[in-house]
C-alpha atoms as a PDB file:
ATOM      1  CA  MET A   1      -0.232   0.070   0.450  1.00  0.00           C
ATOM      2  CA  TYR A   2       1.310   2.969  -0.479  1.00  0.00           C
ATOM      3  CA  VAL A   3       1.894   5.693   1.811  1.00  0.00           C
ATOM      4  CA  CYS A   4       4.193   8.644   0.654  1.00  0.00           C
ATOM      5  CA  PHE A   5       1.776   9.754  -3.162  1.00  0.00           C
ATOM      6  CA  CYS A   6       4.284  12.281  -3.187  1.00  0.00           C
ATOM      7  CA  ARG A   7       7.663  10.185  -2.844  1.00  0.00           C
ATOM      8  CA  GLY A   8       5.502   7.134  -3.799  1.00  0.00           C
ATOM      9  CA  ILE A   9       6.805   5.223  -1.215  1.00  0.00           C
ATOM     10  CA  THR A  10       5.470   2.302  -0.259  1.00  0.00           C
ATOM     11  CA  ASP A  11       4.939   0.275   3.567  1.00  0.00           C
ATOM     12  CA  GLY A  12       6.938  -2.501   1.919  1.00  0.00           C
ATOM     13  CA  ASP A  13       9.756   0.102   1.546  1.00  0.00           C
ATOM     14  CA  ILE A  14       9.026   1.110   5.183  1.00  0.00           C
ATOM     15  CA  ARG A  15       9.702  -2.264   5.678  1.00  0.00           C
ATOM     16  CA  ASN A  16      13.246  -3.208   3.729  1.00  0.00           C
ATOM     17  CA  ALA A  17      14.788   0.472   5.715  1.00  0.00           C
ATOM     18  CA  ILE A  18      13.649  -0.960   8.700  1.00  0.00           C
ATOM     19  CA  SER A  19      15.181  -4.303   8.255  1.00  0.00           C
ATOM     20  CA  LYS A  20      18.286  -2.465   6.578  1.00  0.00           C
ATOM     21  CA  GLY A  21      18.682  -0.984  10.390  1.00  0.00           C
ATOM     22  CA  ALA A  22      16.341   2.160  10.810  1.00  0.00           C
ATOM     23  CA  SER A  23      15.419   2.790  14.348  1.00  0.00           C
ATOM     24  CA  ASP A  24      12.513   5.378  14.357  1.00  0.00           C
ATOM     25  CA  PHE A  25      10.726   7.858  11.608  1.00  0.00           C
ATOM     26  CA  ASN A  26      14.066  10.141  12.051  1.00  0.00           C
ATOM     27  CA  ASP A  27      16.125   7.457  10.347  1.00  0.00           C
ATOM     28  CA  VAL A  28      12.946   6.482   7.553  1.00  0.00           C
ATOM     29  CA  ARG A  29      12.518  10.265   6.456  1.00  0.00           C
ATOM     30  CA  GLU A  30      16.257   9.833   6.040  1.00  0.00           C
ATOM     31  CA  GLU A  31      16.484   6.954   3.894  1.00  0.00           C
ATOM     32  CA  LEU A  32      14.061   7.185   1.991  1.00  0.00           C
ATOM     33  CA  GLY A  33      12.485  10.714   2.230  1.00  0.00           C
ATOM     34  CA  VAL A  34       8.826  10.465   3.366  1.00  0.00           C
ATOM     35  CA  GLY A  35       7.344  12.870   5.406  1.00  0.00           C
ATOM     36  CA  THR A  36       9.131  15.582   3.421  1.00  0.00           C
ATOM     37  CA  GLN A  37       7.428  16.855   0.754  1.00  0.00           C
ATOM     38  CA  CYS A  38       3.906  17.680   2.243  1.00  0.00           C
ATOM     39  CA  GLY A  39       3.795  15.655   5.275  1.00  0.00           C
ATOM     40  CA  LYS A  40       0.219  13.977   5.295  1.00  0.00           C
ATOM     41  CA  CYS A  41       1.901  10.615   5.250  1.00  0.00           C
ATOM     42  CA  ALA A  42       4.050  10.743   8.185  1.00  0.00           C
ATOM     43  CA  ARG A  43       0.791   9.336  10.859  1.00  0.00           C
ATOM     44  CA  LEU A  44       0.427   6.606   8.270  1.00  0.00           C
ATOM     45  CA  ALA A  45       4.214   6.187   8.310  1.00  0.00           C
ATOM     46  CA  ASN A  46       5.051   6.390  12.299  1.00  0.00           C
ATOM     47  CA  GLU A  47       1.560   3.960  12.121  1.00  0.00           C
ATOM     48  CA  VAL A  48       4.252   1.103   9.642  1.00  0.00           C
ATOM     49  CA  ILE A  49       7.318   2.229  11.973  1.00  0.00           C
ATOM     50  CA  SER A  50       5.561   1.148  15.010  1.00  0.00           C
ATOM     51  CA  ASP A  51       4.004  -1.945  13.746  1.00  0.00           C
ATOM     52  CA  VAL A  52       7.070  -3.919  12.181  1.00  0.00           C
ATOM     53  CA  LEU A  53       9.163  -2.157  15.045  1.00  0.00           C
ATOM     54  CA  ASP A  54       6.027  -4.150  18.123  1.00  0.00           C
ATOM     55  CA  GLY A  55       6.015  -7.291  15.844  1.00  0.00           C
ATOM     56  CA  SER A  56       2.078  -6.634  14.932  1.00  0.00           C
ATOM     57  CA  SER A  57       1.132  -6.963  10.955  1.00  0.00           C
ATOM     58  CA  ALA A  58      -0.077  -4.236   9.787  1.00  0.00           C
ATOM     59  CA  ASP A  59      -2.824  -6.865   8.233  1.00  0.00           C
ATOM     60  CA  SER A  60      -3.863  -7.525  11.863  1.00  0.00           C
ATOM     61  CA  ASN A  61      -4.638  -3.722  12.805  1.00  0.00           C
ATOM     62  CA  GLY A  62      -5.864  -1.829  10.217  1.00  0.00           C
ATOM     63  CA  LEU A  63      -4.510   1.102   8.833  1.00  0.00           C
ATOM     64  CA  PHE A  64      -6.845   1.206   7.127  1.00  0.00           C
ATOM     65  CA  TYR A  65      -9.382   5.208   8.194  1.00  0.00           C
ATOM     66  CA  ASN A  66     -14.002   4.428   8.137  1.00  0.00           C
ATOM     67  CA  VAL A  67     -14.190   7.944   5.278  1.00  0.00           C
ATOM     68  CA  ALA A  68     -17.135  10.266   6.547  1.00  0.00           C
END
């Protein structure tokens, strides 16, 4: 799933960055550039990072939100 449309970054890209040693949002931002354009992706990027670092699965927690 796309997390950052400005940079074309997916949750898989974030997971790969963490597997290569990124340990927080700042590391992922530095490596991938997530959150450096409009910033709207920062919340979702942080959720993906937390899920990976906590050992959770994005599929079980669900990262999708209801549209009002």
